[in-house]
Amino acid sequence: MSIIGWIVIGALVGVAAALVGGHPRSRRLVSVPIGAIGGVVGGWVAEALELIDAQEFLEVEGSVAALIGAGTMLVAYRLGARPL
């Protein structure tokens, strides 16, 4: 999957996280770009480990890598943004 696909999947995960989470509006707006960045990071890591071929546009492995990357970034953001 190409970088555009990773961005789209990551952004969709961010939108889903914003809709599901009961957080203030400012956090919801940040979820979409963080999800997109996480999707790109997940796809890039999977490509670097030679788990996927970035030249193929629609591939399940690339989608899963983008989902995992976006989810990981959003969880890390939510854990880091909590007040102590």
Foldseek 3Di string as FASTA:
>chain_A
DALVVLLVLLLVLLQVCLVPDPDDPVVSVVSRNLSSVQSNVLLVVCVVVVVDDNVDDDDPVSSVSSNVRSVVSSVVVVVVPDDD
